Protein backbone atom coordinates (compact mmCIF):
# COMPACT_ATOMS: atom_id res chain seq x y z
CA MET A 1 59.60 -10.50 -7.88
CA GLY A 2 62.16 -13.01 -9.29
CA ASP A 3 59.31 -15.52 -10.84
CA ARG A 4 56.66 -15.03 -13.62
CA LYS A 5 54.19 -13.66 -10.77
CA GLY A 6 56.25 -11.19 -9.42
CA HIS A 7 57.03 -9.40 -12.64
CA PHE A 8 53.14 -9.68 -14.30
CA LEU A 9 51.78 -7.82 -10.90
CA PRO A 10 53.75 -4.66 -11.10
CA GLY A 11 53.62 -5.24 -14.67
CA THR A 12 49.61 -4.87 -14.81
CA LEU A 13 49.68 -2.00 -12.20
CA PHE A 14 51.66 -0.21 -14.64
CA LEU A 15 49.64 -1.45 -17.35
CA PHE A 16 46.27 -0.24 -15.80
CA ALA A 17 47.69 2.74 -15.01
CA GLY A 18 48.79 4.16 -18.25
CA LEU A 19 45.45 2.45 -20.33
CA PHE A 20 43.20 4.10 -17.83
CA PHE A 21 44.71 8.01 -18.57
CA LEU A 22 45.06 7.29 -22.37
CA LEU A 23 41.20 6.03 -22.44
CA LEU A 24 40.19 8.66 -20.13
CA CYS A 25 42.14 11.60 -22.76
CA GLN A 26 40.56 9.55 -25.43
CA ARG A 27 36.98 10.40 -24.04
CA ARG A 28 37.65 13.72 -23.30
CA SER A 29 39.15 14.80 -26.59
CA ARG A 30 35.36 14.03 -27.89
CA THR A 31 33.79 16.68 -26.13
CA GLY A 32 35.58 19.29 -27.81
CA HIS A 33 37.47 21.16 -25.62
CA ALA A 34 41.25 21.01 -26.15
CA LEU A 35 43.47 18.35 -24.02
CA ALA A 36 45.07 20.89 -22.64
CA ASP A 37 41.84 22.36 -20.57
CA PHE A 38 41.91 19.15 -18.29
CA ILE A 39 45.55 19.04 -17.28
CA PRO A 40 46.33 19.10 -14.48
CA GLU A 41 43.60 16.67 -13.80
CA LYS A 42 40.34 18.64 -11.95
CA ASN A 43 37.83 15.78 -11.34
CA PRO A 44 38.20 14.19 -8.07
CA ALA A 45 36.02 11.42 -8.77
CA VAL A 46 39.37 10.37 -11.27
CA LEU A 47 41.75 10.89 -8.28
CA LEU A 48 39.57 8.96 -5.78
CA TYR A 49 39.03 5.81 -8.39
CA ALA A 50 42.47 5.84 -9.74
CA GLY A 51 44.17 6.26 -5.74
CA ALA A 52 42.06 3.83 -4.08
CA THR A 53 42.67 1.25 -6.87
CA VAL A 54 46.99 2.33 -6.94
CA LEU A 55 47.03 2.13 -3.08
CA GLY A 56 45.26 -0.97 -2.91
CA ALA A 57 47.29 -2.81 -5.60
CA THR A 58 51.03 -1.55 -3.96
CA LEU A 59 49.95 -2.72 -0.73
CA THR A 60 48.84 -6.22 -2.26
CA GLY A 61 52.04 -6.46 -4.08
CA LEU A 62 54.06 -5.41 -0.79
CA LEU A 63 52.48 -7.86 1.61
CA LEU A 64 52.46 -10.85 -1.01
CA GLU A 65 56.12 -10.23 -1.10
CA ALA A 66 56.64 -9.42 2.63
CA ILE A 67 54.19 -12.74 3.42
CA VAL A 68 55.75 -15.20 0.51
CA CYS A 69 59.70 -14.17 1.56
CA ALA A 70 58.46 -15.05 5.22
CA ALA A 71 57.15 -18.34 4.80
CA THR A 72 59.84 -19.85 1.82
CA CYS A 73 63.20 -17.97 2.96
CA PRO A 74 65.24 -20.10 5.36
CA LYS A 75 64.39 -20.65 8.88
CA ASP A 76 67.51 -19.99 10.31
CA LEU A 77 67.02 -16.01 9.50
CA SER A 78 65.33 -14.37 11.86
CA PHE A 79 61.71 -13.24 11.18
CA LEU A 80 62.87 -9.43 10.46
CA SER A 81 65.39 -10.71 7.98
CA ARG A 82 62.60 -13.31 6.32
CA LEU A 83 60.51 -10.42 5.76
CA THR A 84 62.77 -8.10 4.30
CA HIS A 85 64.75 -10.55 2.38
CA GLN A 86 63.01 -8.68 -1.14
CA SER A 87 63.52 -5.41 0.69
CA LEU A 88 64.27 -3.84 -3.04
CA HIS A 89 60.63 -5.33 -4.15
CA GLU A 90 58.81 -3.71 -1.54
CA CYS A 91 60.27 -0.26 -1.84
CA LEU A 92 59.52 -0.25 -5.17
CA TYR A 93 55.60 -0.78 -3.92
CA ALA A 94 55.73 1.13 -1.26
CA ALA A 95 57.11 4.61 -3.58
CA PHE A 96 53.64 4.11 -5.67
CA ALA A 97 51.57 3.58 -2.65
CA LEU A 98 52.60 7.31 -1.79
CA VAL A 99 51.28 7.93 -5.27
CA GLY A 100 47.89 6.34 -4.49
CA LEU A 101 47.58 7.53 -1.26
CA THR A 102 48.54 10.91 -2.46
CA ALA A 103 45.68 11.09 -5.36
CA LEU A 104 43.58 9.82 -2.25
CA LEU A 105 44.28 13.69 -0.30
CA GLU A 106 43.94 15.54 -3.24
CA SER A 107 40.64 14.19 -4.26
CA ARG A 108 39.39 15.35 -1.02
CA ALA A 109 41.06 18.99 -1.16
CA ARG A 110 43.68 18.05 1.65
CA LEU A 111 46.39 18.45 -0.74
CA PRO A 112 46.92 21.42 -3.66
CA LEU A 113 46.22 20.89 -7.13
CA ASP A 114 48.72 18.34 -9.09
CA THR A 115 50.41 17.16 -5.62
CA TRP A 116 49.93 13.75 -7.04
CA ARG A 117 51.87 13.60 -10.26
CA ARG A 118 54.58 15.38 -8.17
CA MET A 119 54.83 12.50 -5.95
CA LEU A 120 54.80 10.19 -9.24
CA CYS A 121 57.71 11.65 -10.62
CA ILE A 122 59.59 11.21 -7.36
CA ALA A 123 58.49 7.57 -7.47
CA LEU A 124 59.71 6.73 -10.69
CA PHE A 125 62.76 8.53 -9.83
CA VAL A 126 63.16 6.13 -6.94
CA GLU A 127 62.60 2.90 -9.43
CA SER A 128 65.01 3.92 -11.43
CA GLN A 129 68.00 4.02 -8.64
CA LEU A 130 66.14 0.51 -7.75
CA TRP A 131 66.19 -0.85 -11.33
CA ALA A 132 70.26 0.71 -11.46
CA SER A 133 70.87 -1.47 -8.18
CA HIS A 134 69.18 -4.44 -9.49
CA ALA A 135 70.53 -4.64 -12.67
CA GLY A 136 73.98 -4.29 -10.83
CA MET A 137 73.38 -7.67 -9.00
CA GLN A 138 72.25 -9.34 -12.39
CA SER A 139 74.78 -10.41 -15.36
CA GLY A 140 74.21 -11.07 -19.10
CA ALA A 141 70.36 -10.69 -20.65
CA GLU A 142 68.78 -9.91 -17.27
CA ARG A 143 71.29 -7.29 -16.81
CA VAL A 144 70.44 -5.42 -20.20
CA GLN A 145 66.61 -6.12 -19.12
CA HIS A 146 66.88 -4.14 -15.79
CA GLU A 147 69.30 -1.07 -17.39
CA LEU A 148 66.74 -0.99 -19.88
CA LEU A 149 64.17 -1.03 -16.92
CA ASN A 150 66.01 2.04 -15.10
CA THR A 151 66.22 3.52 -18.25
CA LEU A 152 62.74 3.78 -18.87
CA SER A 153 61.60 4.58 -15.27
CA LEU A 154 64.06 7.53 -15.19
CA GLY A 155 62.62 9.19 -18.61
CA THR A 156 58.95 8.57 -17.50
CA SER A 157 59.79 10.69 -14.34
CA PHE A 158 61.64 13.22 -16.57
CA VAL A 159 59.05 13.17 -19.01
CA CYS A 160 56.78 13.68 -16.24
CA ALA A 161 58.36 16.67 -14.60
CA VAL A 162 57.80 18.20 -17.86
CA SER A 163 54.34 17.64 -18.68
CA ILE A 164 53.95 19.75 -15.21
CA ALA A 165 55.61 22.65 -15.91
CA VAL A 166 54.40 22.69 -19.22
CA PRO A 167 50.56 21.89 -18.83
CA GLY A 168 49.61 23.29 -22.63
CA ASP A 169 51.41 20.48 -24.43
CA ALA A 170 49.11 17.69 -24.45
CA CYS A 171 51.34 15.43 -26.02
CA VAL A 172 53.80 15.11 -23.23
CA HIS A 173 50.91 14.64 -21.16
CA LEU A 174 50.13 11.55 -23.50
CA ALA A 175 53.62 10.41 -23.62
CA VAL A 176 53.91 10.22 -19.60
CA TRP A 177 51.05 7.18 -20.08
CA ALA A 178 52.37 5.76 -22.98
CA LEU A 179 55.48 5.44 -21.27
CA LEU A 180 53.91 3.79 -17.76
CA VAL A 181 52.27 1.56 -20.70
CA LEU A 182 55.51 0.73 -22.32
CA GLN A 183 56.90 -0.15 -18.73
CA GLY A 184 54.01 -2.85 -18.62
CA VAL A 185 54.88 -4.30 -21.56
CA TRP A 186 58.07 -4.67 -21.09
CA LEU A 187 57.81 -6.43 -17.22
CA PHE A 188 55.03 -8.73 -18.57
CA SER A 189 57.72 -9.90 -21.59
CA ILE A 190 60.61 -10.30 -19.29
CA GLY A 191 58.32 -12.48 -17.15
CA ALA A 192 56.89 -14.79 -19.75
CA GLU A 193 60.84 -15.28 -20.60
CA MET A 194 61.42 -16.40 -17.06
CA ASP A 195 62.51 -20.20 -16.57
CA GLY A 196 61.26 -22.16 -13.41
CA ASP A 197 65.17 -21.10 -11.54
CA GLY A 198 64.50 -17.30 -12.02
CA GLY A 199 66.61 -17.20 -14.70
CA THR A 200 65.73 -15.84 -18.65
CA GLY A 201 65.19 -17.44 -21.86
CA MET A 202 65.47 -14.14 -23.62
CA THR A 203 68.99 -14.09 -25.10
CA MET A 204 71.80 -10.91 -25.41
CA ASP A 205 70.77 -10.18 -29.18
CA LYS A 206 67.25 -10.52 -28.81
CA VAL A 207 66.64 -8.02 -25.80
CA ALA A 208 67.15 -4.44 -27.08
CA PRO A 209 65.64 -4.97 -30.12
CA LEU A 210 62.29 -6.50 -28.48
CA PHE A 211 62.38 -3.71 -26.04
CA TYR A 212 62.55 -0.86 -28.88
CA ALA A 213 59.86 -2.94 -31.09
CA GLU A 214 57.58 -3.20 -27.98
CA GLY A 215 58.21 1.25 -27.50
CA VAL A 216 57.62 1.56 -31.58
CA LEU A 217 54.07 -0.34 -31.22
CA VAL A 218 53.42 1.35 -27.77
CA ALA A 219 53.85 4.50 -29.57
CA THR A 220 52.27 3.76 -32.87
CA ALA A 221 49.02 2.81 -31.29
CA VAL A 222 48.76 6.00 -28.91
CA LEU A 223 49.55 8.12 -31.88
CA GLY A 224 46.96 6.31 -34.05
CA GLY A 225 44.44 6.45 -30.85
CA ALA A 226 45.16 9.99 -30.71
CA ALA A 227 44.41 10.93 -34.70
CA TYR A 228 41.49 8.76 -34.64
CA THR A 229 39.50 9.84 -31.75
CA ARG A 230 40.51 14.15 -31.61
CA ASN A 231 37.73 16.48 -32.51
CA PRO A 232 39.47 19.32 -34.93
CA ALA A 233 37.09 21.65 -33.27
CA SER A 234 38.69 21.80 -30.04
CA GLY A 235 41.12 24.66 -31.03
CA ASP A 236 44.16 23.50 -30.40
CA GLY A 237 45.07 22.60 -33.98
CA ILE A 238 47.19 23.82 -36.97
CA GLU A 239 43.31 25.25 -37.87
CA GLY A 240 41.36 24.93 -35.17
CA SER A 241 42.76 27.81 -33.55
CA GLY A 242 41.69 30.19 -36.08
CA GLU A 243 44.44 31.82 -35.70
CA GLY A 244 46.59 29.60 -38.00
CA GLY A 245 49.53 27.84 -37.74
CA ARG A 246 52.10 28.56 -34.83
CA LYS A 247 50.22 31.47 -33.78
CA GLY A 248 47.26 29.24 -33.03
CA ALA A 249 49.50 26.77 -31.32
CA LEU A 250 51.07 29.28 -29.15
CA ALA A 251 48.31 30.40 -28.28
CA SER A 252 46.71 27.68 -26.93
CA PHE A 253 49.54 26.83 -24.47
CA GLY A 254 49.48 30.21 -23.32
CA LYS A 255 45.42 29.47 -22.12
CA ALA A 256 46.61 26.81 -20.90
CA ARG A 257 49.14 28.11 -18.78
CA GLU A 258 46.86 30.27 -18.01
CA LEU A 259 44.09 27.82 -16.78
CA LYS A 260 46.53 25.79 -14.46
CA GLN A 261 48.15 29.15 -12.69
CA SER A 262 44.36 29.54 -11.81
CA TYR A 263 43.32 26.55 -10.47
CA VAL A 264 45.43 26.45 -7.66
CA GLY A 265 42.89 24.03 -5.19
CA VAL A 266 39.84 22.08 -5.27
CA ASN A 267 36.08 23.91 -4.95
CA LYS A 268 38.05 27.11 -4.66
CA SER A 269 35.47 29.25 -6.16
CA GLU A 270 32.04 29.29 -7.60
CA THR A 271 33.46 28.97 -10.93
CA ASP A 272 36.04 26.15 -10.34
CA SER A 273 32.53 23.96 -8.68
CA SER A 274 31.11 24.49 -12.24
CA MET A 275 34.45 23.66 -14.08
CA ILE A 276 34.45 20.71 -11.75
CA THR A 277 30.90 19.41 -12.49
CA ARG A 278 31.41 19.80 -16.24
CA ILE A 279 33.94 17.65 -16.49
CA GLN A 280 33.03 15.13 -14.01
CA SER A 281 29.86 15.17 -16.04
CA GLU A 282 31.67 15.05 -19.68
CA ASP A 283 33.60 11.57 -18.31
CA GLY A 284 30.59 9.94 -16.79
CA LEU A 285 31.77 10.39 -13.05
CA LEU A 286 29.63 12.79 -11.09
């Protein structure tokens, strides 16, 4: 992973995951339903497609790391040592492969609802610790780059946990995917600045400003997209609920919590089945 391609592959994965769910939220916001009605994810097709893609991409990255290391490491090392030479990066891929596998199992009702996002929280926390370890082996601008990745992944894990605990807050839900997009953009920025020897051409004085500039751009794009596509009739705005201001927003929050408590599994009743069919139809993923 210590080259451009090694940063671009995980960066693409984070970008895909974040953009996929942001665009799905955009599509759903046009239906006239509050976005909180779709949280947690109740469409098995979404979990199936996203889970299969994440699992396939992470296993590909894991195999590439192992094969390249086995072929390029000094031959005096044992085969197992060469195979696991980039164990830190391989652990990173393995953690997110479990997220994809969990989503696949949940899409078949083999796991309780929203288990995959709990696994995502764990994977992001593991990622943060791996970046912290990696930063400890670096110096200068490279150290700061990976320290920022550590902070970003740890923060995303926390925001994801809050989104699970507070399902009525669509903004927190959107923030999770926006932070994944930012992580992908930042990995691309690190990779783009790498030289042929695996070092970075980014100077210390440019690292933090570039990172926070990218954060502002991602946040602006997400907020602008949300404001442009949101259906005012969804009932979760200041006037949309008909109860006015803060009272209406709190009513929407309470309704979303009741929804989460009701949907403890997939296809548990005829009511749930009808709801899933409606969501699949609106998503275009029947």
